[in-house]
């Protein structure tokens, strides 16, 4: 069963790698930290 992963999940993952933390990624993307955590 293949499941399509939305672009926003990849975007969040890459932002965490770039920023070094969930909170930094959330701030950079304009989303909340819990949302970033759910995306990861």
C-alpha atoms as a PDB file:
ATOM      1  CA  UNK A   1       0.000   0.000   0.000  1.00  0.00           C
ATOM      2  CA  UNK A   2       1.598   3.192  -1.168  1.00  0.00           C
ATOM      3  CA  UNK A   3       0.593   6.391   0.590  1.00  0.00           C
ATOM      4  CA  UNK A   4       1.226   9.820  -0.871  1.00  0.00           C
ATOM      5  CA  UNK A   5       3.061  12.111   1.499  1.00  0.00           C
ATOM      6  CA  UNK A   6       2.110  15.755   1.240  1.00  0.00           C
ATOM      7  CA  UNK A   7       4.722  18.360   0.333  1.00  0.00           C
ATOM      8  CA  UNK A   8       4.185  20.175   3.654  1.00  0.00           C
ATOM      9  CA  UNK A   9       5.573  17.148   5.524  1.00  0.00           C
ATOM     10  CA  UNK A  10       8.766  17.192   3.472  1.00  0.00           C
ATOM     11  CA  UNK A  11       8.977  20.951   3.880  1.00  0.00           C
ATOM     12  CA  UNK A  12       8.725  20.625   7.672  1.00  0.00           C
ATOM     13  CA  UNK A  13      11.306  17.840   7.784  1.00  0.00           C
ATOM     14  CA  UNK A  14      13.784  19.875   5.738  1.00  0.00           C
ATOM     15  CA  UNK A  15      13.158  22.942   7.904  1.00  0.00           C
ATOM     16  CA  UNK A  16      13.975  20.916  11.041  1.00  0.00           C
ATOM     17  CA  UNK A  17      17.233  19.785   9.447  1.00  0.00           C
ATOM     18  CA  UNK A  18      18.048  23.345   8.424  1.00  0.00           C
ATOM     19  CA  UNK A  19      17.062  25.038  11.701  1.00  0.00           C
ATOM     20  CA  UNK A  20      18.247  22.278  14.026  1.00  0.00           C
ATOM     21  CA  UNK A  21      15.076  22.084  16.132  1.00  0.00           C
ATOM     22  CA  UNK A  22      11.330  21.684  15.911  1.00  0.00           C
ATOM     23  CA  UNK A  23      10.736  25.080  17.444  1.00  0.00           C
ATOM     24  CA  UNK A  24      13.106  26.779  15.019  1.00  0.00           C
ATOM     25  CA  UNK A  25      11.491  25.040  12.062  1.00  0.00           C
ATOM     26  CA  UNK A  26       8.022  25.941  13.282  1.00  0.00           C
ATOM     27  CA  UNK A  27       9.005  29.585  13.633  1.00  0.00           C
ATOM     28  CA  UNK A  28      10.595  29.628  10.164  1.00  0.00           C
ATOM     29  CA  UNK A  29       7.518  28.037   8.587  1.00  0.00           C
ATOM     30  CA  UNK A  30       4.964  30.048  10.526  1.00  0.00           C
ATOM     31  CA  UNK A  31       3.373  26.989  12.140  1.00  0.00           C
ATOM     32  CA  UNK A  32       3.135  25.850  15.750  1.00  0.00           C
ATOM     33  CA  UNK A  33       5.660  23.515  17.335  1.00  0.00           C
ATOM     34  CA  UNK A  34       3.042  20.771  17.955  1.00  0.00           C
ATOM     35  CA  UNK A  35       2.102  20.898  14.266  1.00  0.00           C
ATOM     36  CA  UNK A  36       5.753  20.551  13.266  1.00  0.00           C
ATOM     37  CA  UNK A  37       6.038  17.568  15.608  1.00  0.00           C
ATOM     38  CA  UNK A  38       3.007  15.908  14.041  1.00  0.00           C
ATOM     39  CA  UNK A  39       4.504  16.422  10.586  1.00  0.00           C
ATOM     40  CA  UNK A  40       7.678  14.661  11.684  1.00  0.00           C
END
